[in-house]
Structures are given as C-alpha cells and as structure tokens.
Amino acid sequence: MQIVIRNSYEPSPFGTNTDVAIFCDVFRASTTLLTLANSKAKDIYLTNDEETALNFVKKGAVLFSEVFKGGYDNSPTQVKTLDLNGKVIIHKSTNLTNAIFHHPGFARGYIGSFVNLTRVIQLLKHCAGKKVELIAASHFAKGTEAIEDVGCIALMSSYLESGIKAPIPKHSEILEKVKAKRARGSYSDHYFTDVECALVVDEFDFIAEVTICDERTMRLTRLD
C-alpha cells in the first residue's frame, strides 16, 4: 500500500487513479457529516452548486451549509438538536465539498475525522487499495493548511503504521487557534460547541462513504 498525505489544494500524485481517498475537515464539515450519518436522515447528499442545493430544498430537503443561505449551519451541534428522521439532507461546506469535488478520481472515498478515527484505521488496514490518499481539506481556496486537518491525517498515518493511538497532534496549538477565534467575536456561540464535538476521538463507530451521483451531487452512505 502506498499512502500519500496531502492538502486538498495540492495535486494528487495518482492523478485519476486513487484507490482510496480519506477526506478530513475537522472544523466542521467532516464532523457535521458524520453526525448527520448518525441521525435517522433518509438520504444525505453533497453539492458544490447553489442551484442544485436550492432545487433539493424546493423538493423538501434540509440544507446544512455556512455558504448557501436557506438552511442550517454546517454544524454538528445543530444536527444534534433536530429531528431529521426520514429527511433528505443536502450539504455544502466551504472546504470539504471543494476538496471532494475537485478530486473525483477516487475509486472509493470516505469521510474521516477524529470522531471516527479508529474505524477509518480499521478500514485502511483491511482495504485492498494500493494507492491511498489521506487528504486534509484545509483552506481550499486560500491554499493554506488547517492545523486540525493536518493533525488528523498525521494521526491516522502514525496510528496505521504503529498501531498506537497517540494524542491529537499539536492539541495545544489547536486550542490556541480556537481561543483566538473566540477573541475575535465573529463566530456564533454554537461554533465553539461544534469545535468541542469535533475534538472528541471515536465518538462514532462507523465510516461514511462518498459516491458520485453526477457532476453536481455526491451521496453519503453510512457503513457500519
């Protein structure tokens, strides 16, 4: 197995021939999507396209996005407060959906984060893929790293290699980043609860696979 660790804005060394891609956007999209997968939602879709998202909403879907208006925030906290039983979900985030839609050349794609860390490692240990990418969503448009995303894929890589689940890398620096955000006062109160949710290791004992529906939509499926 050849494992590549990279940020989403960096080109894939495998081109369009990646066997397995793990996408990590800790604050907050990965955590939100995995929390949605843990709800009783009927179907969960991802899009990068506003018209597509609005068409889903017109048909009764519930929107989760900090980018498109007309729904709920990209927030695991808000997911946990809602009854989504039987609902269709459409999701768009700042970085994760860009990371995924700009790398459609994976045979199998999965959502990873701290909250399902061990299950992702179990998947990788038993997968047949030879070309594997651990992708930090980071700040896709800006082309800059997000310390929590890079730390997550670094932890996955070291855990896979050593079999030892170490503490979250640079945890104190991540908390300093959060503290600085709080000081700026430009974030909702639930954002910081979202961050607390995102830094819980192994809250969920499942993985979530992303599959391409068409050029505008992908579907998220929980795999126990």
Protein backbone atom coordinates (compact mmCIF):
# COMPACT_ATOMS: atom_id res chain seq x y z
CA MET A 1 0.00 0.00 0.00
CA GLN A 2 1.32 3.44 -0.98
CA ILE A 3 -0.03 6.18 1.28
CA VAL A 4 0.14 9.85 0.33
CA ILE A 5 -0.60 12.63 2.81
CA ARG A 6 -1.54 15.97 1.31
CA ASN A 7 -3.71 19.07 1.50
CA SER A 8 -6.73 19.25 -0.79
CA TYR A 9 -5.34 22.14 -2.83
CA GLU A 10 -2.24 20.14 -3.73
CA PRO A 11 -2.36 17.88 -6.81
CA SER A 12 -2.79 14.16 -6.41
CA PRO A 13 0.31 12.18 -7.38
CA PHE A 14 -2.04 9.42 -8.53
CA GLY A 15 -3.98 11.64 -10.93
CA THR A 16 -7.34 10.00 -11.53
CA ASN A 17 -6.29 6.59 -10.26
CA THR A 18 -6.61 6.81 -6.48
CA ASP A 19 -7.94 3.59 -4.98
CA VAL A 20 -8.98 5.02 -1.60
CA ALA A 21 -9.27 8.66 -0.50
CA ILE A 22 -9.99 9.77 3.07
CA PHE A 23 -11.18 13.39 3.29
CA CYS A 24 -10.78 15.23 6.61
CA ASP A 25 -12.31 18.58 7.51
CA VAL A 26 -12.35 18.54 11.30
CA PHE A 27 -13.78 22.07 11.83
CA ARG A 28 -16.50 21.30 10.87
CA ALA A 29 -17.75 19.51 7.77
CA SER A 30 -16.41 16.01 8.45
CA THR A 31 -17.83 16.14 11.96
CA THR A 32 -21.15 17.50 10.71
CA LEU A 33 -21.49 14.84 8.00
CA LEU A 34 -20.65 12.02 10.38
CA THR A 35 -23.18 13.41 12.87
CA LEU A 36 -25.74 13.52 10.06
CA ALA A 37 -24.87 9.91 9.20
CA ASN A 38 -25.62 9.07 12.82
CA SER A 39 -29.05 10.68 12.60
CA LYS A 40 -32.10 8.99 11.13
CA ALA A 41 -31.97 11.01 7.92
CA LYS A 42 -33.21 9.10 4.89
CA ASP A 43 -30.58 10.30 2.41
CA ILE A 44 -27.58 12.64 2.60
CA TYR A 45 -26.18 14.42 -0.44
CA LEU A 46 -23.29 16.82 -1.01
CA THR A 47 -23.07 19.52 -3.64
CA ASN A 48 -20.85 22.40 -4.65
CA ASP A 49 -23.58 24.03 -6.71
CA GLU A 50 -26.05 26.53 -5.25
CA GLU A 51 -28.75 25.91 -7.85
CA THR A 52 -28.60 22.20 -7.11
CA ALA A 53 -28.85 22.85 -3.38
CA LEU A 54 -31.88 25.13 -3.83
CA ASN A 55 -33.59 22.56 -6.05
CA PHE A 56 -33.14 19.98 -3.30
CA VAL A 57 -34.62 22.41 -0.78
CA LYS A 58 -37.62 23.11 -3.04
CA LYS A 59 -38.30 19.37 -3.02
CA GLY A 60 -38.27 19.28 0.79
CA ALA A 61 -34.62 18.58 1.59
CA VAL A 62 -32.95 20.16 4.62
CA LEU A 63 -29.90 22.29 3.83
CA PHE A 64 -26.79 22.37 6.03
CA SER A 65 -24.27 24.97 4.93
CA GLU A 66 -22.36 28.03 6.08
CA VAL A 67 -22.05 29.04 2.41
CA PHE A 68 -25.56 28.82 0.95
CA LYS A 69 -28.50 30.53 2.67
CA GLY A 70 -31.86 28.99 3.47
CA GLY A 71 -30.96 26.26 5.92
CA TYR A 72 -28.96 25.36 8.99
CA ASP A 73 -25.31 25.98 9.66
CA ASN A 74 -22.64 23.41 8.84
CA SER A 75 -22.81 22.43 12.49
CA PRO A 76 -22.79 19.09 14.34
CA THR A 77 -24.36 20.89 17.30
CA GLN A 78 -27.36 21.95 15.24
CA VAL A 79 -27.70 18.46 13.76
CA LYS A 80 -27.95 17.01 17.25
CA THR A 81 -30.81 19.36 18.18
CA LEU A 82 -33.00 18.42 15.20
CA ASP A 83 -35.35 15.58 14.40
CA LEU A 84 -34.15 14.50 10.95
CA ASN A 85 -35.97 11.19 10.88
CA GLY A 86 -36.82 10.36 7.26
CA LYS A 87 -35.44 13.66 5.93
CA VAL A 88 -33.33 14.18 2.83
CA ILE A 89 -30.23 16.28 3.53
CA ILE A 90 -28.21 18.46 1.16
CA HIS A 91 -24.83 19.70 2.42
CA LYS A 92 -22.34 22.29 1.19
CA SER A 93 -19.30 23.48 3.14
CA THR A 94 -16.50 25.93 2.48
CA ASN A 95 -13.66 23.44 2.15
CA LEU A 96 -14.70 19.78 2.27
CA THR A 97 -17.08 19.78 -0.67
CA ASN A 98 -14.44 21.59 -2.72
CA ALA A 99 -11.83 19.03 -1.67
CA ILE A 100 -14.05 16.15 -2.77
CA PHE A 101 -15.48 17.58 -5.99
CA HIS A 102 -12.05 18.65 -7.19
CA HIS A 103 -10.72 15.12 -6.78
CA PRO A 104 -13.30 12.84 -8.42
CA GLY A 105 -10.68 10.31 -9.46
CA PHE A 106 -11.03 8.06 -6.43
CA ALA A 107 -12.45 4.56 -6.65
CA ARG A 108 -13.62 4.71 -3.01
CA GLY A 109 -13.97 7.90 -0.95
CA TYR A 110 -14.63 8.22 2.78
CA ILE A 111 -15.17 10.95 5.35
CA GLY A 112 -12.67 10.89 8.20
CA SER A 113 -12.20 12.90 11.37
CA PHE A 114 -11.21 12.46 14.98
CA VAL A 115 -14.76 11.33 15.78
CA ASN A 116 -14.42 8.12 13.73
CA LEU A 117 -10.63 7.72 13.80
CA THR A 118 -10.40 4.06 14.80
CA ARG A 119 -12.94 2.91 12.22
CA VAL A 120 -11.03 4.71 9.47
CA ILE A 121 -7.84 2.94 10.56
CA GLN A 122 -9.63 -0.40 10.56
CA LEU A 123 -10.87 0.32 7.05
CA LEU A 124 -7.38 1.13 5.81
CA LYS A 125 -5.86 -1.95 7.42
CA HIS A 126 -8.24 -4.22 5.59
CA CYS A 127 -8.74 -2.42 2.30
CA ALA A 128 -7.36 -3.85 -0.92
CA GLY A 129 -6.38 -0.48 -2.34
CA LYS A 130 -2.75 0.07 -3.26
CA LYS A 131 -2.94 3.83 -3.84
CA VAL A 132 -4.30 5.58 -0.75
CA GLU A 133 -4.59 9.29 -0.02
CA LEU A 134 -5.19 10.96 3.35
CA ILE A 135 -6.42 14.39 2.38
CA ALA A 136 -6.66 17.39 4.70
CA ALA A 137 -9.35 19.71 3.37
CA SER A 138 -7.56 22.67 4.99
CA HIS A 139 -8.35 26.06 3.42
CA PHE A 140 -9.02 25.00 -0.14
CA ALA A 141 -9.47 28.39 -1.84
CA LYS A 142 -6.72 30.13 0.14
CA GLY A 143 -4.25 27.29 -0.35
CA THR A 144 -3.23 27.25 3.31
CA GLU A 145 -3.11 24.50 5.90
CA ALA A 146 -5.59 23.99 8.72
CA ILE A 147 -3.67 22.64 11.70
CA GLU A 148 -6.55 20.44 12.88
CA ASP A 149 -6.98 18.77 9.47
CA VAL A 150 -3.26 18.19 9.00
CA GLY A 151 -3.07 16.85 12.56
CA CYS A 152 -5.94 14.46 11.90
CA ILE A 153 -4.36 12.84 8.84
CA ALA A 154 -0.96 12.76 10.56
CA LEU A 155 -2.55 10.89 13.46
CA MET A 156 -4.21 8.47 11.06
CA SER A 157 -0.92 7.81 9.33
CA SER A 158 1.05 7.22 12.54
CA TYR A 159 -1.76 5.09 14.03
CA LEU A 160 -1.86 2.97 10.88
CA GLU A 161 1.90 2.49 10.91
CA SER A 162 2.47 1.87 14.62
CA GLY A 163 -0.88 0.53 15.80
CA ILE A 164 -0.72 3.02 18.68
CA LYS A 165 -3.41 5.69 19.04
CA ALA A 166 -1.46 8.74 20.19
CA PRO A 167 -2.95 12.00 21.48
CA ILE A 168 -4.20 14.57 18.98
CA PRO A 169 -1.11 16.18 17.39
CA LYS A 170 -0.47 19.82 18.34
CA HIS A 171 -3.57 19.80 20.51
CA SER A 172 -2.47 22.85 22.49
CA GLU A 173 -1.88 24.79 19.26
CA ILE A 174 -5.33 23.83 18.00
CA LEU A 175 -6.84 25.14 21.24
CA GLU A 176 -4.87 28.38 20.85
CA LYS A 177 -6.33 28.74 17.36
CA VAL A 178 -9.82 28.28 18.79
CA LYS A 179 -9.08 30.77 21.58
CA ALA A 180 -8.00 33.37 19.02
CA LYS A 181 -11.23 32.82 17.07
CA ARG A 182 -13.28 33.29 20.23
CA ALA A 183 -11.43 36.55 20.96
CA ARG A 184 -12.37 37.92 17.53
CA GLY A 185 -16.03 37.62 18.47
CA SER A 186 -17.21 36.94 14.92
CA TYR A 187 -18.40 33.37 15.45
CA SER A 188 -21.70 32.02 16.74
CA ASP A 189 -21.79 30.51 20.20
CA HIS A 190 -22.59 27.09 18.77
CA TYR A 191 -19.41 27.20 16.67
CA PHE A 192 -17.33 26.60 19.78
CA THR A 193 -19.58 23.75 20.86
CA ASP A 194 -19.05 22.37 17.34
CA VAL A 195 -15.30 22.51 17.93
CA GLU A 196 -15.66 20.62 21.20
CA CYS A 197 -17.64 17.93 19.36
CA ALA A 198 -15.00 17.75 16.64
CA LEU A 199 -12.16 17.10 19.08
CA VAL A 200 -13.82 14.04 20.63
CA VAL A 201 -11.94 10.94 19.47
CA ASP A 202 -14.00 7.90 18.45
CA GLU A 203 -17.47 9.19 19.22
CA PHE A 204 -18.76 7.18 16.26
CA ASP A 205 -18.12 3.54 15.46
CA PHE A 206 -18.81 3.65 11.72
CA ILE A 207 -17.44 5.01 8.48
CA ALA A 208 -19.21 7.05 5.82
CA GLU A 209 -18.60 6.57 2.11
CA VAL A 210 -18.96 9.23 -0.56
CA THR A 211 -20.10 8.10 -4.00
CA ILE A 212 -20.53 10.18 -7.14
CA CYS A 213 -24.11 10.58 -8.40
CA ASP A 214 -23.38 13.08 -11.17
CA GLU A 215 -21.16 16.10 -11.78
CA ARG A 216 -23.12 18.16 -9.24
CA THR A 217 -24.00 15.73 -6.49
CA MET A 218 -22.47 13.05 -4.34
CA ARG A 219 -24.15 10.77 -1.84
CA LEU A 220 -23.04 9.91 1.68
CA THR A 221 -23.73 6.41 2.96
CA ARG A 222 -23.14 5.12 6.47
CA LEU A 223 -21.30 1.80 6.64
CA ASP A 224 -21.39 0.01 10.00
